[in-house]
Amino acid sequence: KRSSPGAVLFRQERVGHAGRRFHILKFRSMCDGAEAQVDAL
């Protein structure tokens, strides 16, 4: 929380058992808005 702006937890949609989608939880390790830069990288 103190290292950079943004939420503490990063939520991302993933595909799980039997193809059901769920939101995986991680501590945020990237800058805010990192998902929008995926195609460029």
Full PDB file with SEQRES, HELIX, SHEET, SSBOND, CRYST1, ORIGX, SCALE, CONECT and MASTER records, all heavy atoms in Angstrom:
SEQRES   1 A   41  LYS ARG SER SER PRO GLY ALA VAL LEU PHE ARG GLN GLU          
SEQRES   2 A   41  ARG VAL GLY HIS ALA GLY ARG ARG PHE HIS ILE LEU LYS          
SEQRES   3 A   41  PHE ARG SER MET CYS ASP GLY ALA GLU ALA GLN VAL ASP          
SEQRES   4 A   41  ALA LEU                                                      
HELIX    1 AA1 HIS A   17  GLY A   19  5                                   3    
HELIX    2 AA2 ALA A   34  GLN A   37  5                                   4    
SHEET    1 AA1 2 LEU A   9  VAL A  15  0                                        
SHEET    2 AA1 2 ARG A  21  PHE A  27 -1                                        
CRYST1    1.000    1.000    1.000  90.00  90.00  90.00 P 1           1          
ORIGX1      1.000000  0.000000  0.000000        0.00000                         
ORIGX2      0.000000  1.000000  0.000000        0.00000                         
ORIGX3      0.000000  0.000000  1.000000        0.00000                         
SCALE1      1.000000  0.000000  0.000000        0.00000                         
SCALE2      0.000000  1.000000  0.000000        0.00000                         
SCALE3      0.000000  0.000000  1.000000        0.00000                         
ATOM      1  N   LYS A   1       0.829  -1.210   0.000  1.00  0.00           N  
ATOM      2  CA  LYS A   1       0.000   0.000   0.000  1.00  0.00           C  
ATOM      3  C   LYS A   1       0.861   1.257   0.000  1.00  0.00           C  
ATOM      4  O   LYS A   1       0.527   2.236  -0.683  1.00  0.00           O  
ATOM      5  CB  LYS A   1      -0.913  -0.013   1.230  1.00  0.00           C  
ATOM      6  CG  LYS A   1      -1.933   1.117   1.248  1.00  0.00           C  
ATOM      7  CD  LYS A   1      -2.884   0.999   0.072  1.00  0.00           C  
ATOM      8  CE  LYS A   1      -3.941   2.091   0.100  1.00  0.00           C  
ATOM      9  NZ  LYS A   1      -4.851   2.034  -1.066  1.00  0.00           N  
ATOM     10  N   ARG A   2       1.974   1.213   0.713  1.00  0.00           N  
ATOM     11  CA  ARG A   2       2.810   2.398   0.833  1.00  0.00           C  
ATOM     12  C   ARG A   2       3.836   2.520  -0.299  1.00  0.00           C  
ATOM     13  O   ARG A   2       4.421   3.593  -0.492  1.00  0.00           O  
ATOM     14  CB  ARG A   2       3.539   2.386   2.184  1.00  0.00           C  
ATOM     15  CG  ARG A   2       2.606   2.374   3.376  1.00  0.00           C  
ATOM     16  CD  ARG A   2       3.349   2.496   4.684  1.00  0.00           C  
ATOM     17  NE  ARG A   2       4.059   3.777   4.780  1.00  0.00           N  
ATOM     18  CZ  ARG A   2       4.756   4.163   5.856  1.00  0.00           C  
ATOM     19  NH1 ARG A   2       4.819   3.361   6.914  1.00  0.00           N  
ATOM     20  NH2 ARG A   2       5.374   5.324   5.872  1.00  0.00           N  
ATOM     21  N   SER A   3       4.077   1.424  -1.021  1.00  0.00           N  
ATOM     22  CA  SER A   3       5.133   1.444  -2.047  1.00  0.00           C  
ATOM     23  C   SER A   3       4.719   2.175  -3.317  1.00  0.00           C  
ATOM     24  O   SER A   3       5.549   2.792  -3.984  1.00  0.00           O  
ATOM     25  CB  SER A   3       5.564   0.014  -2.389  1.00  0.00           C  
ATOM     26  OG  SER A   3       4.492  -0.692  -2.998  1.00  0.00           O  
ATOM     27  N   SER A   4       3.435   2.105  -3.680  1.00  0.00           N  
ATOM     28  CA  SER A   4       2.974   2.726  -4.930  1.00  0.00           C  
ATOM     29  C   SER A   4       1.467   2.845  -4.902  1.00  0.00           C  
ATOM     30  O   SER A   4       0.785   2.107  -4.171  1.00  0.00           O  
ATOM     31  CB  SER A   4       3.418   1.894  -6.140  1.00  0.00           C  
ATOM     32  OG  SER A   4       2.852   0.595  -6.075  1.00  0.00           O  
ATOM     33  N   PRO A   5       0.897   3.749  -5.687  1.00  0.00           N  
ATOM     34  CA  PRO A   5      -0.564   3.905  -5.727  1.00  0.00           C  
ATOM     35  C   PRO A   5      -1.233   2.643  -6.268  1.00  0.00           C  
ATOM     36  O   PRO A   5      -0.688   1.958  -7.132  1.00  0.00           O  
ATOM     37  CB  PRO A   5      -0.764   5.096  -6.670  1.00  0.00           C  
ATOM     38  CG  PRO A   5       0.559   5.797  -6.709  1.00  0.00           C  
ATOM     39  CD  PRO A   5       1.587   4.745  -6.532  1.00  0.00           C  
ATOM     40  N   GLY A   6      -2.428   2.356  -5.764  1.00  0.00           N  
ATOM     41  CA  GLY A   6      -3.172   1.206  -6.245  1.00  0.00           C  
ATOM     42  C   GLY A   6      -3.644   0.330  -5.108  1.00  0.00           C  
ATOM     43  O   GLY A   6      -3.310   0.542  -3.939  1.00  0.00           O  
ATOM     44  N   ALA A   7      -4.446  -0.676  -5.441  1.00  0.00           N  
ATOM     45  CA  ALA A   7      -4.987  -1.597  -4.443  1.00  0.00           C  
ATOM     46  C   ALA A   7      -3.895  -2.512  -3.907  1.00  0.00           C  
ATOM     47  O   ALA A   7      -2.870  -2.741  -4.561  1.00  0.00           O  
ATOM     48  CB  ALA A   7      -6.109  -2.425  -5.058  1.00  0.00           C  
ATOM     49  N   VAL A   8      -4.114  -3.065  -2.726  1.00  0.00           N  
ATOM     50  CA  VAL A   8      -3.154  -4.008  -2.122  1.00  0.00           C  
ATOM     51  C   VAL A   8      -3.197  -5.338  -2.861  1.00  0.00           C  
ATOM     52  O   VAL A   8      -2.154  -5.927  -3.184  1.00  0.00           O  
ATOM     53  CB  VAL A   8      -3.467  -4.214  -0.622  1.00  0.00           C  
ATOM     54  CG1 VAL A   8      -2.620  -5.367  -0.061  1.00  0.00           C  
ATOM     55  CG2 VAL A   8      -3.225  -2.935   0.142  1.00  0.00           C  
ATOM     56  N   LEU A   9      -4.397  -5.810  -3.156  1.00  0.00           N  
ATOM     57  CA  LEU A   9      -4.566  -7.102  -3.819  1.00  0.00           C  
ATOM     58  C   LEU A   9      -4.863  -6.914  -5.300  1.00  0.00           C  
ATOM     59  O   LEU A   9      -5.616  -6.016  -5.695  1.00  0.00           O  
ATOM     60  CB  LEU A   9      -5.699  -7.899  -3.171  1.00  0.00           C  
ATOM     61  CG  LEU A   9      -5.470  -8.380  -1.741  1.00  0.00           C  
ATOM     62  CD1 LEU A   9      -6.690  -9.142  -1.228  1.00  0.00           C  
ATOM     63  CD2 LEU A   9      -4.233  -9.269  -1.654  1.00  0.00           C  
ATOM     64  N   PHE A  10      -4.266  -7.756  -6.096  1.00  0.00           N  
ATOM     65  CA  PHE A  10      -4.497  -7.761  -7.542  1.00  0.00           C  
ATOM     66  C   PHE A  10      -5.445  -8.907  -7.856  1.00  0.00           C  
ATOM     67  O   PHE A  10      -5.193 -10.062  -7.500  1.00  0.00           O  
ATOM     68  CB  PHE A  10      -3.172  -7.941  -8.267  1.00  0.00           C  
ATOM     69  CG  PHE A  10      -3.312  -8.168  -9.749  1.00  0.00           C  
ATOM     70  CD1 PHE A  10      -3.761  -7.154 -10.584  1.00  0.00           C  
ATOM     71  CD2 PHE A  10      -2.989  -9.401 -10.311  1.00  0.00           C  
ATOM     72  CE1 PHE A  10      -3.887  -7.364 -11.949  1.00  0.00           C  
ATOM     73  CE2 PHE A  10      -3.107  -9.618 -11.670  1.00  0.00           C  
ATOM     74  CZ  PHE A  10      -3.559  -8.594 -12.488  1.00  0.00           C  
ATOM     75  N   ARG A  11      -6.568  -8.599  -8.489  1.00  0.00           N  
ATOM     76  CA  ARG A  11      -7.555  -9.605  -8.877  1.00  0.00           C  
ATOM     77  C   ARG A  11      -7.535  -9.764 -10.394  1.00  0.00           C  
ATOM     78  O   ARG A  11      -7.587  -8.767 -11.121  1.00  0.00           O  
ATOM     79  CB  ARG A  11      -8.959  -9.185  -8.436  1.00  0.00           C  
ATOM     80  CG  ARG A  11      -9.175  -9.212  -6.941  1.00  0.00           C  
ATOM     81  CD  ARG A  11     -10.406  -8.406  -6.545  1.00  0.00           C  
ATOM     82  NE  ARG A  11     -11.563  -8.772  -7.351  1.00  0.00           N  
ATOM     83  CZ  ARG A  11     -12.431  -9.729  -7.035  1.00  0.00           C  
ATOM     84  NH1 ARG A  11     -12.262 -10.407  -5.912  1.00  0.00           N  
ATOM     85  NH2 ARG A  11     -13.457 -10.002  -7.808  1.00  0.00           N  
ATOM     86  N   GLN A  12      -7.433 -11.009 -10.842  1.00  0.00           N  
ATOM     87  CA  GLN A  12      -7.373 -11.264 -12.286  1.00  0.00           C  
ATOM     88  C   GLN A  12      -8.211 -12.486 -12.616  1.00  0.00           C  
ATOM     89  O   GLN A  12      -8.165 -13.498 -11.910  1.00  0.00           O  
ATOM     90  CB  GLN A  12      -5.925 -11.501 -12.719  1.00  0.00           C  
ATOM     91  CG  GLN A  12      -5.746 -11.624 -14.227  1.00  0.00           C  
ATOM     92  CD  GLN A  12      -4.292 -11.843 -14.595  1.00  0.00           C  
ATOM     93  OE1 GLN A  12      -3.625 -12.729 -14.046  1.00  0.00           O  
ATOM     94  NE2 GLN A  12      -3.779 -11.042 -15.516  1.00  0.00           N  
ATOM     95  N   GLU A  13      -8.958 -12.400 -13.694  1.00  0.00           N  
ATOM     96  CA  GLU A  13      -9.802 -13.513 -14.097  1.00  0.00           C  
ATOM     97  C   GLU A  13      -8.954 -14.625 -14.692  1.00  0.00           C  
ATOM     98  O   GLU A  13      -8.122 -14.399 -15.567  1.00  0.00           O  
ATOM     99  CB  GLU A  13     -10.858 -13.060 -15.110  1.00  0.00           C  
ATOM    100  CG  GLU A  13     -11.909 -14.120 -15.387  1.00  0.00           C  
ATOM    101  CD  GLU A  13     -12.992 -13.634 -16.337  1.00  0.00           C  
ATOM    102  OE1 GLU A  13     -12.630 -13.134 -17.428  1.00  0.00           O  
ATOM    103  OE2 GLU A  13     -14.174 -13.740 -15.986  1.00  0.00           O  
ATOM    104  N   ARG A  14      -9.156 -15.832 -14.206  1.00  0.00           N  
ATOM    105  CA  ARG A  14      -8.468 -17.011 -14.713  1.00  0.00           C  
ATOM    106  C   ARG A  14      -9.489 -18.105 -15.002  1.00  0.00           C  
ATOM    107  O   ARG A  14     -10.656 -18.025 -14.593  1.00  0.00           O  
ATOM    108  CB  ARG A  14      -7.449 -17.527 -13.696  1.00  0.00           C  
ATOM    109  CG  ARG A  14      -6.321 -16.547 -13.368  1.00  0.00           C  
ATOM    110  CD  ARG A  14      -5.363 -16.365 -14.523  1.00  0.00           C  
ATOM    111  NE  ARG A  14      -4.261 -15.491 -14.193  1.00  0.00           N  
ATOM    112  CZ  ARG A  14      -3.049 -15.899 -13.844  1.00  0.00           C  
ATOM    113  NH1 ARG A  14      -2.791 -17.199 -13.764  1.00  0.00           N  
ATOM    114  NH2 ARG A  14      -2.107 -15.019 -13.570  1.00  0.00           N  
ATOM    115  N   VAL A  15      -9.042 -19.146 -15.698  1.00  0.00           N  
ATOM    116  CA  VAL A  15      -9.906 -20.290 -16.024  1.00  0.00           C  
ATOM    117  C   VAL A  15      -9.491 -21.454 -15.139  1.00  0.00           C  
ATOM    118  O   VAL A  15      -8.314 -21.824 -15.084  1.00  0.00           O  
ATOM    119  CB  VAL A  15      -9.789 -20.678 -17.500  1.00  0.00           C  
ATOM    120  CG1 VAL A  15     -10.724 -21.842 -17.824  1.00  0.00           C  
ATOM    121  CG2 VAL A  15     -10.104 -19.480 -18.388  1.00  0.00           C  
ATOM    122  N   GLY A  16     -10.459 -22.027 -14.440  1.00  0.00           N  
ATOM    123  CA  GLY A  16     -10.169 -23.088 -13.491  1.00  0.00           C  
ATOM    124  C   GLY A  16     -10.817 -24.406 -13.840  1.00  0.00           C  
ATOM    125  O   GLY A  16     -11.026 -24.729 -15.010  1.00  0.00           O  
ATOM    126  N   HIS A  17     -11.151 -25.160 -12.816  1.00  0.00           N  
ATOM    127  CA  HIS A  17     -11.704 -26.509 -12.969  1.00  0.00           C  
ATOM    128  C   HIS A  17     -12.958 -26.505 -13.844  1.00  0.00           C  
ATOM    129  O   HIS A  17     -13.850 -25.674 -13.671  1.00  0.00           O  
ATOM    130  CB  HIS A  17     -12.029 -27.066 -11.577  1.00  0.00           C  
ATOM    131  CG  HIS A  17     -12.599 -28.444 -11.599  1.00  0.00           C  
ATOM    132  ND1 HIS A  17     -13.648 -28.837 -10.800  1.00  0.00           N  
ATOM    133  CD2 HIS A  17     -12.250 -29.540 -12.336  1.00  0.00           C  
ATOM    134  CE1 HIS A  17     -13.931 -30.100 -11.045  1.00  0.00           C  
ATOM    135  NE2 HIS A  17     -13.093 -30.554 -11.961  1.00  0.00           N  
ATOM    136  N   ALA A  18     -12.982 -27.426 -14.811  1.00  0.00           N  
ATOM    137  CA  ALA A  18     -14.113 -27.590 -15.727  1.00  0.00           C  
ATOM    138  C   ALA A  18     -14.377 -26.341 -16.560  1.00  0.00           C  
ATOM    139  O   ALA A  18     -15.493 -26.134 -17.049  1.00  0.00           O  
ATOM    140  CB  ALA A  18     -15.375 -27.991 -14.956  1.00  0.00           C  
ATOM    141  N   GLY A  19     -13.348 -25.485 -16.725  1.00  0.00           N  
ATOM    142  CA  GLY A  19     -13.501 -24.297 -17.549  1.00  0.00           C  
ATOM    143  C   GLY A  19     -14.192 -23.141 -16.863  1.00  0.00           C  
ATOM    144  O   GLY A  19     -14.455 -22.110 -17.511  1.00  0.00           O  
ATOM    145  N   ARG A  20     -14.509 -23.302 -15.555  1.00  0.00           N  
ATOM    146  CA  ARG A  20     -15.175 -22.218 -14.837  1.00  0.00           C  
ATOM    147  C   ARG A  20     -14.183 -21.082 -14.552  1.00  0.00           C  
ATOM    148  O   ARG A  20     -13.042 -21.331 -14.181  1.00  0.00           O  
ATOM    149  CB  ARG A  20     -15.788 -22.732 -13.533  1.00  0.00           C  
ATOM    150  CG  ARG A  20     -17.000 -23.622 -13.745  1.00  0.00           C  
ATOM    151  CD  ARG A  20     -17.701 -23.904 -12.433  1.00  0.00           C  
ATOM    152  NE  ARG A  20     -16.938 -24.831 -11.628  1.00  0.00           N  
ATOM    153  CZ  ARG A  20     -17.107 -26.153 -11.651  1.00  0.00           C  
ATOM    154  NH1 ARG A  20     -18.010 -26.681 -12.452  1.00  0.00           N  
ATOM    155  NH2 ARG A  20     -16.377 -26.928 -10.889  1.00  0.00           N  
ATOM    156  N   ARG A  21     -14.652 -19.860 -14.680  1.00  0.00           N  
ATOM    157  CA  ARG A  21     -13.787 -18.702 -14.461  1.00  0.00           C  
ATOM    158  C   ARG A  21     -13.878 -18.245 -13.006  1.00  0.00           C  
ATOM    159  O   ARG A  21     -14.936 -18.331 -12.371  1.00  0.00           O  
ATOM    160  CB  ARG A  21     -14.163 -17.570 -15.412  1.00  0.00           C  
ATOM    161  CG  ARG A  21     -14.002 -17.955 -16.879  1.00  0.00           C  
ATOM    162  CD  ARG A  21     -14.116 -16.771 -17.802  1.00  0.00           C  
ATOM    163  NE  ARG A  21     -13.936 -17.156 -19.192  1.00  0.00           N  
ATOM    164  CZ  ARG A  21     -13.805 -16.307 -20.194  1.00  0.00           C  
ATOM    165  NH1 ARG A  21     -13.828 -14.990 -19.953  1.00  0.00           N  
ATOM    166  NH2 ARG A  21     -13.640 -16.732 -21.432  1.00  0.00           N  
ATOM    167  N   PHE A  22     -12.768 -17.745 -12.508  1.00  0.00           N  
ATOM    168  CA  PHE A  22     -12.721 -17.237 -11.138  1.00  0.00           C  
ATOM    169  C   PHE A  22     -11.686 -16.121 -11.087  1.00  0.00           C  
ATOM    170  O   PHE A  22     -10.927 -15.924 -12.037  1.00  0.00           O  
ATOM    171  CB  PHE A  22     -12.353 -18.358 -10.160  1.00  0.00           C  
ATOM    172  CG  PHE A  22     -10.922 -18.818 -10.266  1.00  0.00           C  
ATOM    173  CD1 PHE A  22      -9.963 -18.371  -9.368  1.00  0.00           C  
ATOM    174  CD2 PHE A  22     -10.517 -19.698 -11.275  1.00  0.00           C  
ATOM    175  CE1 PHE A  22      -8.644 -18.783  -9.456  1.00  0.00           C  
ATOM    176  CE2 PHE A  22      -9.198 -20.117 -11.375  1.00  0.00           C  
ATOM    177  CZ  PHE A  22      -8.254 -19.660 -10.473  1.00  0.00           C  
ATOM    178  N   HIS A  23     -11.659 -15.398  -9.989  1.00  0.00           N  
ATOM    179  CA  HIS A  23     -10.707 -14.311  -9.824  1.00  0.00           C  
ATOM    180  C   HIS A  23      -9.602 -14.754  -8.872  1.00  0.00           C  
ATOM    181  O   HIS A  23      -9.855 -15.035  -7.699  1.00  0.00           O  
ATOM    182  CB  HIS A  23     -11.397 -13.045  -9.302  1.00  0.00           C  
ATOM    183  CG  HIS A  23     -12.211 -12.354 -10.343  1.00  0.00           C  
ATOM    184  ND1 HIS A  23     -13.544 -12.609 -10.531  1.00  0.00           N  
ATOM    185  CD2 HIS A  23     -11.856 -11.410 -11.277  1.00  0.00           C  
ATOM    186  CE1 HIS A  23     -13.998 -11.864 -11.532  1.00  0.00           C  
ATOM    187  NE2 HIS A  23     -12.998 -11.127 -11.993  1.00  0.00           N  
ATOM    188  N   ILE A  24      -8.388 -14.818  -9.400  1.00  0.00           N  
ATOM    189  CA  ILE A  24      -7.233 -15.201  -8.602  1.00  0.00           C  
ATOM    190  C   ILE A  24      -6.757 -13.969  -7.820  1.00  0.00           C  
ATOM    191  O   ILE A  24      -6.860 -12.841  -8.294  1.00  0.00           O  
ATOM    192  CB  ILE A  24      -6.104 -15.751  -9.503  1.00  0.00           C  
ATOM    193  CG1 ILE A  24      -5.052 -16.491  -8.686  1.00  0.00           C  
ATOM    194  CG2 ILE A  24      -5.465 -14.649 -10.325  1.00  0.00           C  
ATOM    195  CD1 ILE A  24      -4.023 -17.230  -9.544  1.00  0.00           C  
ATOM    196  N   LEU A  25      -6.264 -14.201  -6.604  1.00  0.00           N  
ATOM    197  CA  LEU A  25      -5.802 -13.125  -5.742  1.00  0.00           C  
ATOM    198  C   LEU A  25      -4.286 -13.168  -5.602  1.00  0.00           C  
ATOM    199  O   LEU A  25      -3.705 -14.243  -5.417  1.00  0.00           O  
ATOM    200  CB  LEU A  25      -6.434 -13.237  -4.349  1.00  0.00           C  
ATOM    201  CG  LEU A  25      -7.958 -13.158  -4.273  1.00  0.00           C  
ATOM    202  CD1 LEU A  25      -8.424 -13.352  -2.831  1.00  0.00           C  
ATOM    203  CD2 LEU A  25      -8.452 -11.823  -4.810  1.00  0.00           C  
ATOM    204  N   LYS A  26      -3.670 -12.003  -5.723  1.00  0.00           N  
ATOM    205  CA  LYS A  26      -2.233 -11.866  -5.500  1.00  0.00           C  
ATOM    206  C   LYS A  26      -1.962 -10.522  -4.839  1.00  0.00           C  
ATOM    207  O   LYS A  26      -2.771  -9.592  -4.952  1.00  0.00           O  
ATOM    208  CB  LYS A  26      -1.455 -11.921  -6.826  1.00  0.00           C  
ATOM    209  CG  LYS A  26      -1.462 -13.237  -7.556  1.00  0.00           C  
ATOM    210  CD  LYS A  26      -0.553 -13.163  -8.782  1.00  0.00           C  
ATOM    211  CE  LYS A  26      -0.493 -14.477  -9.534  1.00  0.00           C  
ATOM    212  NZ  LYS A  26       0.473 -14.410 -10.670  1.00  0.00           N  
ATOM    213  N   PHE A  27      -0.834 -10.420  -4.146  1.00  0.00           N  
ATOM    214  CA  PHE A  27      -0.391  -9.094  -3.753  1.00  0.00           C  
ATOM    215  C   PHE A  27       0.022  -8.334  -5.010  1.00  0.00           C  
ATOM    216  O   PHE A  27       0.720  -8.881  -5.873  1.00  0.00           O  
ATOM    217  CB  PHE A  27       0.802  -9.178  -2.796  1.00  0.00           C  
ATOM    218  CG  PHE A  27       0.418  -9.494  -1.376  1.00  0.00           C  
ATOM    219  CD1 PHE A  27       0.952 -10.596  -0.727  1.00  0.00           C  
ATOM    220  CD2 PHE A  27      -0.476  -8.693  -0.687  1.00  0.00           C  
ATOM    221  CE1 PHE A  27       0.600 -10.895   0.571  1.00  0.00           C  
ATOM    222  CE2 PHE A  27      -0.833  -8.980   0.623  1.00  0.00           C  
ATOM    223  CZ  PHE A  27      -0.301 -10.087   1.261  1.00  0.00           C  
ATOM    224  N   ARG A  28      -0.412  -7.087  -5.127  1.00  0.00           N  
ATOM    225  CA  ARG A  28      -0.084  -6.308  -6.325  1.00  0.00           C  
ATOM    226  C   ARG A  28       1.426  -6.101  -6.422  1.00  0.00           C  
ATOM    227  O   ARG A  28       2.059  -5.602  -5.500  1.00  0.00           O  
ATOM    228  CB  ARG A  28      -0.796  -4.946  -6.278  1.00  0.00           C  
ATOM    229  CG  ARG A  28      -0.563  -4.092  -7.519  1.00  0.00           C  
ATOM    230  CD  ARG A  28      -1.387  -2.826  -7.469  1.00  0.00           C  
ATOM    231  NE  ARG A  28      -1.140  -2.054  -6.270  1.00  0.00           N  
ATOM    232  CZ  ARG A  28      -0.104  -1.222  -6.123  1.00  0.00           C  
ATOM    233  NH1 ARG A  28       0.781  -1.065  -7.105  1.00  0.00           N  
ATOM    234  NH2 ARG A  28       0.059  -0.563  -4.987  1.00  0.00           N  
ATOM    235  N   SER A  29       1.987  -6.499  -7.546  1.00  0.00           N  
ATOM    236  CA  SER A  29       3.435  -6.362  -7.758  1.00  0.00           C  
ATOM    237  C   SER A  29       3.756  -5.416  -8.909  1.00  0.00           C  
ATOM    238  O   SER A  29       4.925  -5.207  -9.226  1.00  0.00           O  
ATOM    239  CB  SER A  29       4.061  -7.731  -8.036  1.00  0.00           C  
ATOM    240  OG  SER A  29       3.492  -8.330  -9.191  1.00  0.00           O  
ATOM    241  N   MET A  30       2.716  -4.870  -9.542  1.00  0.00           N  
ATOM    242  CA  MET A  30       2.913  -3.977 -10.684  1.00  0.00           C  
ATOM    243  C   MET A  30       2.306  -2.618 -10.404  1.00  0.00           C  
ATOM    244  O   MET A  30       1.529  -2.442  -9.456  1.00  0.00           O  
ATOM    245  CB  MET A  30       2.284  -4.568 -11.946  1.00  0.00           C  
ATOM    246  CG  MET A  30       2.942  -5.841 -12.441  1.00  0.00           C  
ATOM    247  SD  MET A  30       2.210  -6.377 -14.011  1.00  0.00           S  
ATOM    248  CE  MET A  30       3.233  -7.788 -14.380  1.00  0.00           C  
ATOM    249  N   CYS A  31       2.631  -1.692 -11.272  1.00  0.00           N  
ATOM    250  CA  CYS A  31       2.049  -0.358 -11.165  1.00  0.00           C  
ATOM    251  C   CYS A  31       0.566  -0.411 -11.507  1.00  0.00           C  
ATOM    252  O   CYS A  31       0.091  -1.349 -12.160  1.00  0.00           O  
ATOM    253  CB  CYS A  31       2.766   0.619 -12.093  1.00  0.00           C  
ATOM    254  SG  CYS A  31       2.663   0.171 -13.841  1.00  0.00           S  
ATOM    255  N   ASP A  32      -0.172   0.565 -11.068  1.00  0.00           N  
ATOM    256  CA  ASP A  32      -1.605   0.613 -11.329  1.00  0.00           C  
ATOM    257  C   ASP A  32      -1.854   0.745 -12.839  1.00  0.00           C  
ATOM    258  O   ASP A  32      -1.201   1.529 -13.527  1.00  0.00           O  
ATOM    259  CB  ASP A  32      -2.211   1.800 -10.580  1.00  0.00           C  
ATOM    260  CG  ASP A  32      -3.721   1.694 -10.494  1.00  0.00           C  
ATOM    261  OD1 ASP A  32      -4.222   0.562 -10.541  1.00  0.00           O  
ATOM    262  OD2 ASP A  32      -4.387   2.736 -10.392  1.00  0.00           O  
ATOM    263  N   GLY A  33      -2.794  -0.060 -13.364  1.00  0.00           N  
ATOM    264  CA  GLY A  33      -3.111  -0.012 -14.795  1.00  0.00           C  
ATOM    265  C   GLY A  33      -2.200  -0.863 -15.653  1.00  0.00           C  
ATOM    266  O   GLY A  33      -2.129  -0.668 -16.874  1.00  0.00           O  
ATOM    267  N   ALA A  34      -1.494  -1.829 -15.048  1.00  0.00           N  
ATOM    268  CA  ALA A  34      -0.534  -2.654 -15.796  1.00  0.00           C  
ATOM    269  C   ALA A  34      -1.205  -3.528 -16.849  1.00  0.00           C  
ATOM    270  O   ALA A  34      -0.606  -3.831 -17.883  1.00  0.00           O  
ATOM    271  CB  ALA A  34       0.245  -3.530 -14.815  1.00  0.00           C  
ATOM    272  N   GLU A  35      -2.448  -3.925 -16.614  1.00  0.00           N  
ATOM    273  CA  GLU A  35      -3.143  -4.810 -17.544  1.00  0.00           C  
ATOM    274  C   GLU A  35      -3.303  -4.177 -18.927  1.00  0.00           C  
ATOM    275  O   GLU A  35      -3.285  -4.874 -19.943  1.00  0.00           O  
ATOM    276  CB  GLU A  35      -4.515  -5.179 -16.983  1.00  0.00           C  
ATOM    277  CG  GLU A  35      -4.488  -6.156 -15.835  1.00  0.00           C  
ATOM    278  CD  GLU A  35      -4.110  -7.550 -16.293  1.00  0.00           C  
ATOM    279  OE1 GLU A  35      -4.978  -8.269 -16.818  1.00  0.00           O  
ATOM    280  OE2 GLU A  35      -2.928  -7.909 -16.142  1.00  0.00           O  
ATOM    281  N   ALA A  36      -3.423  -2.851 -18.977  1.00  0.00           N  
ATOM    282  CA  ALA A  36      -3.637  -2.163 -20.251  1.00  0.00           C  
ATOM    283  C   ALA A  36      -2.385  -2.176 -21.123  1.00  0.00           C  
ATOM    284  O   ALA A  36      -2.462  -1.864 -22.326  1.00  0.00           O  
ATOM    285  CB  ALA A  36      -4.083  -0.725 -20.003  1.00  0.00           C  
ATOM    286  N   GLN A  37      -1.233  -2.552 -20.564  1.00  0.00           N  
ATOM    287  CA  GLN A  37       0.021  -2.534 -21.305  1.00  0.00           C  
ATOM    288  C   GLN A  37       0.441  -3.903 -21.838  1.00  0.00           C  
ATOM    289  O   GLN A  37       1.527  -4.038 -22.404  1.00  0.00           O  
ATOM    290  CB  GLN A  37       1.138  -1.983 -20.403  1.00  0.00           C  
ATOM    291  CG  GLN A  37       0.855  -0.615 -19.816  1.00  0.00           C  
ATOM    292  CD  GLN A  37       1.946  -0.150 -18.876  1.00  0.00           C  
ATOM    293  OE1 GLN A  37       3.139  -0.377 -19.128  1.00  0.00           O  
ATOM    294  NE2 GLN A  37       1.561   0.496 -17.777  1.00  0.00           N  
ATOM    295  N   VAL A  38      -0.396  -4.910 -21.633  1.00  0.00           N  
ATOM    296  CA  VAL A  38      -0.019  -6.276 -22.016  1.00  0.00           C  
ATOM    297  C   VAL A  38       0.257  -6.398 -23.504  1.00  0.00           C  
ATOM    298  O   VAL A  38       1.278  -6.959 -23.925  1.00  0.00           O  
ATOM    299  CB  VAL A  38      -1.121  -7.274 -21.595  1.00  0.00           C  
ATOM    300  CG1 VAL A  38      -0.845  -8.656 -22.189  1.00  0.00           C  
ATOM    301  CG2 VAL A  38      -1.209  -7.365 -20.079  1.00  0.00           C  
ATOM    302  N   ASP A  39      -0.640  -5.885 -24.343  1.00  0.00           N  
ATOM    303  CA  ASP A  39      -0.469  -6.029 -25.798  1.00  0.00           C  
ATOM    304  C   ASP A  39       0.821  -5.384 -26.282  1.00  0.00           C  
ATOM    305  O   ASP A  39       1.500  -5.910 -27.174  1.00  0.00           O  
ATOM    306  CB  ASP A  39      -1.666  -5.411 -26.522  1.00  0.00           C  
ATOM    307  CG  ASP A  39      -2.941  -6.207 -26.301  1.00  0.00           C  
ATOM    308  OD1 ASP A  39      -2.822  -7.409 -25.970  1.00  0.00           O  
ATOM    309  OD2 ASP A  39      -4.040  -5.637 -26.435  1.00  0.00           O  
ATOM    310  N   ALA A  40       1.201  -4.265 -25.684  1.00  0.00           N  
ATOM    311  CA  ALA A  40       2.419  -3.575 -26.103  1.00  0.00           C  
ATOM    312  C   ALA A  40       3.667  -4.362 -25.731  1.00  0.00           C  
ATOM    313  O   ALA A  40       4.704  -4.231 -26.385  1.00  0.00           O  
ATOM    314  CB  ALA A  40       2.471  -2.190 -25.463  1.00  0.00           C  
ATOM    315  N   LEU A  41       3.578  -5.223 -24.707  1.00  0.00           N  
ATOM    316  CA  LEU A  41       4.746  -5.970 -24.231  1.00  0.00           C  
ATOM    317  C   LEU A  41       4.766  -7.413 -24.724  1.00  0.00           C  
ATOM    318  O   LEU A  41       5.716  -8.144 -24.440  1.00  0.00           O  
ATOM    319  CB  LEU A  41       4.767  -5.975 -22.691  1.00  0.00           C  
ATOM    320  CG  LEU A  41       5.000  -4.619 -22.011  1.00  0.00           C  
ATOM    321  CD1 LEU A  41       4.776  -4.750 -20.514  1.00  0.00           C  
ATOM    322  CD2 LEU A  41       6.412  -4.128 -22.298  1.00  0.00           C  
TER     323      LEU A  41                                                      
MASTER        0    0    0    2    2    0    0    6  322    1    0    4          
END                                                                             
